[in-house]
């Protein structure tokens, strides 16, 4: 019976991907909010 060696994934790489995806989602949310603000301003819905 042979045992396969599964390489350990670097934790820094995993955390890096997590931070990258989190930052990207926050950035996308900010862009959508900005677009909504511009649209609302253009149709006269200002506060």
PDB file of N, CA and C in Angstrom:
ATOM      1  N   UNK A   1       0.851  -1.179   0.000  1.00  0.00           N
ATOM      2  CA  UNK A   1       0.000   0.000   0.000  1.00  0.00           C
ATOM      3  C   UNK A   1       0.895   1.239   0.000  1.00  0.00           C
ATOM      4  N   UNK A   2       0.629   2.127  -0.909  1.00  0.00           N
ATOM      5  CA  UNK A   2       1.427   3.353  -0.996  1.00  0.00           C
ATOM      6  C   UNK A   2       0.657   4.504  -0.376  1.00  0.00           C
ATOM      7  N   UNK A   3       1.385   5.362   0.258  1.00  0.00           N
ATOM      8  CA  UNK A   3       0.756   6.552   0.823  1.00  0.00           C
ATOM      9  C   UNK A   3       1.116   7.742  -0.044  1.00  0.00           C
ATOM     10  N   UNK A   4       0.131   8.539  -0.333  1.00  0.00           N
ATOM     11  CA  UNK A   4       0.363   9.729  -1.145  1.00  0.00           C
ATOM     12  C   UNK A   4       0.652  10.903  -0.231  1.00  0.00           C
ATOM     13  N   UNK A   5       1.643  11.659  -0.626  1.00  0.00           N
ATOM     14  CA  UNK A   5       2.001  12.845   0.149  1.00  0.00           C
ATOM     15  C   UNK A   5       1.217  14.030  -0.387  1.00  0.00           C
ATOM     16  N   UNK A   6       0.361  14.592   0.449  1.00  0.00           N
ATOM     17  CA  UNK A   6      -0.422  15.763   0.060  1.00  0.00           C
ATOM     18  C   UNK A   6       0.307  16.988   0.589  1.00  0.00           C
ATOM     19  N   UNK A   7       0.720  17.881  -0.305  1.00  0.00           N
ATOM     20  CA  UNK A   7       1.459  19.062   0.167  1.00  0.00           C
ATOM     21  C   UNK A   7       0.556  19.985   0.982  1.00  0.00           C
ATOM     22  N   UNK A   8       1.122  20.548   2.028  1.00  0.00           N
ATOM     23  CA  UNK A   8       0.374  21.495   2.850  1.00  0.00           C
ATOM     24  C   UNK A   8       0.280  22.828   2.123  1.00  0.00           C
ATOM     25  N   UNK A   9      -0.907  23.397   2.144  1.00  0.00           N
ATOM     26  CA  UNK A   9      -1.102  24.699   1.515  1.00  0.00           C
ATOM     27  C   UNK A   9      -0.653  25.769   2.503  1.00  0.00           C
ATOM     28  N   UNK A  10       0.110  26.689   2.001  1.00  0.00           N
ATOM     29  CA  UNK A  10       0.645  27.750   2.836  1.00  0.00           C
ATOM     30  C   UNK A  10      -0.503  28.592   3.410  1.00  0.00           C
ATOM     31  N   UNK A  11      -0.502  28.775   4.729  1.00  0.00           N
ATOM     32  CA  UNK A  11      -1.570  29.531   5.385  1.00  0.00           C
ATOM     33  C   UNK A  11      -1.557  30.993   4.977  1.00  0.00           C
ATOM     34  N   UNK A  12      -0.367  31.539   4.733  1.00  0.00           N
ATOM     35  CA  UNK A  12      -0.300  32.934   4.299  1.00  0.00           C
ATOM     36  C   UNK A  12      -0.977  33.109   2.944  1.00  0.00           C
ATOM     37  N   UNK A  13      -0.853  32.112   2.092  1.00  0.00           N
ATOM     38  CA  UNK A  13      -1.497  32.172   0.779  1.00  0.00           C
ATOM     39  C   UNK A  13      -3.024  32.121   0.936  1.00  0.00           C
ATOM     40  N   UNK A  14      -3.491  31.273   1.829  1.00  0.00           N
ATOM     41  CA  UNK A  14      -4.939  31.184   2.071  1.00  0.00           C
ATOM     42  C   UNK A  14      -5.484  32.489   2.638  1.00  0.00           C
ATOM     43  N   UNK A  15      -4.795  33.045   3.611  1.00  0.00           N
ATOM     44  CA  UNK A  15      -5.227  34.309   4.209  1.00  0.00           C
ATOM     45  C   UNK A  15      -5.174  35.427   3.170  1.00  0.00           C
ATOM     46  N   UNK A  16      -4.151  35.394   2.326  1.00  0.00           N
ATOM     47  CA  UNK A  16      -4.036  36.395   1.263  1.00  0.00           C
ATOM     48  C   UNK A  16      -5.216  36.352   0.314  1.00  0.00           C
ATOM     49  N   UNK A  17      -5.615  35.146  -0.089  1.00  0.00           N
ATOM     50  CA  UNK A  17      -6.774  35.016  -0.972  1.00  0.00           C
ATOM     51  C   UNK A  17      -8.045  35.488  -0.273  1.00  0.00           C
ATOM     52  N   UNK A  18      -8.179  35.162   1.001  1.00  0.00           N
ATOM     53  CA  UNK A  18      -9.348  35.601   1.762  1.00  0.00           C
ATOM     54  C   UNK A  18      -9.439  37.120   1.799  1.00  0.00           C
ATOM     55  N   UNK A  19      -8.321  37.764   2.090  1.00  0.00           N
ATOM     56  CA  UNK A  19      -8.289  39.228   2.149  1.00  0.00           C
ATOM     57  C   UNK A  19      -8.555  39.825   0.770  1.00  0.00           C
ATOM     58  N   UNK A  20      -7.995  39.216  -0.270  1.00  0.00           N
ATOM     59  CA  UNK A  20      -8.198  39.712  -1.634  1.00  0.00           C
ATOM     60  C   UNK A  20      -9.669  39.625  -2.042  1.00  0.00           C
ATOM     61  N   UNK A  21     -10.299  38.502  -1.773  1.00  0.00           N
ATOM     62  CA  UNK A  21     -11.714  38.335  -2.129  1.00  0.00           C
ATOM     63  C   UNK A  21     -12.593  39.270  -1.295  1.00  0.00           C
ATOM     64  N   UNK A  22     -12.280  39.399  -0.004  1.00  0.00           N
ATOM     65  CA  UNK A  22     -13.039  40.303   0.864  1.00  0.00           C
ATOM     66  C   UNK A  22     -12.909  41.747   0.385  1.00  0.00           C
ATOM     67  N   UNK A  23     -11.695  42.158   0.079  1.00  0.00           N
ATOM     68  CA  UNK A  23     -11.468  43.520  -0.406  1.00  0.00           C
ATOM     69  C   UNK A  23     -12.166  43.771  -1.736  1.00  0.00           C
ATOM     70  N   UNK A  24     -12.142  42.771  -2.607  1.00  0.00           N
ATOM     71  CA  UNK A  24     -12.829  42.903  -3.889  1.00  0.00           C
ATOM     72  C   UNK A  24     -14.328  43.042  -3.723  1.00  0.00           C
ATOM     73  N   UNK A  25     -14.896  42.300  -2.793  1.00  0.00           N
ATOM     74  CA  UNK A  25     -16.343  42.399  -2.579  1.00  0.00           C
ATOM     75  C   UNK A  25     -16.718  43.746  -1.971  1.00  0.00           C
ATOM     76  N   UNK A  26     -15.891  44.261  -1.076  1.00  0.00           N
ATOM     77  CA  UNK A  26     -16.143  45.586  -0.505  1.00  0.00           C
ATOM     78  C   UNK A  26     -16.031  46.655  -1.596  1.00  0.00           C
ATOM     79  N   UNK A  27     -15.039  46.516  -2.462  1.00  0.00           N
ATOM     80  CA  UNK A  27     -14.877  47.463  -3.566  1.00  0.00           C
ATOM     81  C   UNK A  27     -16.054  47.426  -4.525  1.00  0.00           C
ATOM     82  N   UNK A  28     -16.529  46.221  -4.846  1.00  0.00           N
ATOM     83  CA  UNK A  28     -17.678  46.089  -5.744  1.00  0.00           C
ATOM     84  C   UNK A  28     -18.928  46.702  -5.118  1.00  0.00           C
ATOM     85  N   UNK A  29     -19.113  46.490  -3.828  1.00  0.00           N
ATOM     86  CA  UNK A  29     -20.252  47.084  -3.133  1.00  0.00           C
ATOM     87  C   UNK A  29     -20.178  48.605  -3.152  1.00  0.00           C
ATOM     88  N   UNK A  30     -18.991  49.152  -2.988  1.00  0.00           N
ATOM     89  CA  UNK A  30     -18.815  50.607  -3.028  1.00  0.00           C
ATOM     90  C   UNK A  30     -19.142  51.161  -4.411  1.00  0.00           C
ATOM     91  N   UNK A  31     -18.740  50.449  -5.460  1.00  0.00           N
ATOM     92  CA  UNK A  31     -19.032  50.899  -6.827  1.00  0.00           C
ATOM     93  C   UNK A  31     -20.539  50.891  -7.074  1.00  0.00           C
ATOM     94  N   UNK A  32     -21.218  49.837  -6.649  1.00  0.00           N
ATOM     95  CA  UNK A  32     -22.673  49.758  -6.832  1.00  0.00           C
ATOM     96  C   UNK A  32     -23.365  50.878  -6.056  1.00  0.00           C
ATOM     97  N   UNK A  33     -22.928  51.142  -4.834  1.00  0.00           N
ATOM     98  CA  UNK A  33     -23.521  52.223  -4.038  1.00  0.00           C
ATOM     99  C   UNK A  33     -23.298  53.572  -4.710  1.00  0.00           C
ATOM    100  N   UNK A  34     -22.122  53.777  -5.273  1.00  0.00           N
ATOM    101  CA  UNK A  34     -21.832  55.030  -5.970  1.00  0.00           C
ATOM    102  C   UNK A  34     -22.723  55.190  -7.201  1.00  0.00           C
ATOM    103  N   UNK A  35     -22.918  54.116  -7.937  1.00  0.00           N
ATOM    104  CA  UNK A  35     -23.788  54.168  -9.118  1.00  0.00           C
ATOM    105  C   UNK A  35     -25.218  54.515  -8.705  1.00  0.00           C
ATOM    106  N   UNK A  36     -25.703  53.892  -7.635  1.00  0.00           N
ATOM    107  CA  UNK A  36     -27.046  54.217  -7.145  1.00  0.00           C
ATOM    108  C   UNK A  36     -27.148  55.678  -6.725  1.00  0.00           C
ATOM    109  N   UNK A  37     -26.113  56.184  -6.062  1.00  0.00           N
ATOM    110  CA  UNK A  37     -26.130  57.599  -5.652  1.00  0.00           C
ATOM    111  C   UNK A  37     -26.196  58.527  -6.852  1.00  0.00           C
ATOM    112  N   UNK A  38     -25.423  58.225  -7.888  1.00  0.00           N
ATOM    113  CA  UNK A  38     -25.411  59.062  -9.094  1.00  0.00           C
ATOM    114  C   UNK A  38     -26.774  59.014  -9.775  1.00  0.00           C
ATOM    115  N   UNK A  39     -27.342  57.825  -9.895  1.00  0.00           N
ATOM    116  CA  UNK A  39     -28.657  57.695 -10.533  1.00  0.00           C
ATOM    117  C   UNK A  39     -29.713  58.459  -9.737  1.00  0.00           C
ATOM    118  N   UNK A  40     -29.697  58.310  -8.422  1.00  0.00           N
ATOM    119  CA  UNK A  40     -30.679  59.010  -7.596  1.00  0.00           C
ATOM    120  C   UNK A  40     -30.502  60.524  -7.690  1.00  0.00           C
ATOM    121  N   UNK A  41     -29.267  60.984  -7.783  1.00  0.00           N
ATOM    122  CA  UNK A  41     -29.015  62.419  -7.926  1.00  0.00           C
ATOM    123  C   UNK A  41     -29.525  62.922  -9.278  1.00  0.00           C
ATOM    124  N   UNK A  42     -29.330  62.128 -10.331  1.00  0.00           N
ATOM    125  CA  UNK A  42     -29.759  62.542 -11.666  1.00  0.00           C
ATOM    126  C   UNK A  42     -31.277  62.644 -11.790  1.00  0.00           C
ATOM    127  N   UNK A  43     -32.013  61.813 -11.054  1.00  0.00           N
ATOM    128  CA  UNK A  43     -33.474  61.876 -11.164  1.00  0.00           C
ATOM    129  C   UNK A  43     -34.089  62.769 -10.088  1.00  0.00           C
ATOM    130  N   UNK A  44     -33.245  63.471  -9.338  1.00  0.00           N
ATOM    131  CA  UNK A  44     -33.749  64.467  -8.409  1.00  0.00           C
ATOM    132  C   UNK A  44     -34.023  63.971  -7.005  1.00  0.00           C
ATOM    133  N   UNK A  45     -33.543  62.820  -6.663  1.00  0.00           N
ATOM    134  CA  UNK A  45     -33.760  62.286  -5.312  1.00  0.00           C
ATOM    135  C   UNK A  45     -32.566  62.624  -4.426  1.00  0.00           C
ATOM    136  N   UNK A  46     -32.408  63.905  -4.129  1.00  0.00           N
ATOM    137  CA  UNK A  46     -31.291  64.327  -3.284  1.00  0.00           C
ATOM    138  C   UNK A  46     -31.787  64.598  -1.878  1.00  0.00           C
ATOM    139  N   UNK A  47     -30.910  64.459  -0.941  1.00  0.00           N
ATOM    140  CA  UNK A  47     -31.303  64.717   0.450  1.00  0.00           C
ATOM    141  C   UNK A  47     -30.783  66.059   0.910  1.00  0.00           C
TER     142      UNK A  47
END
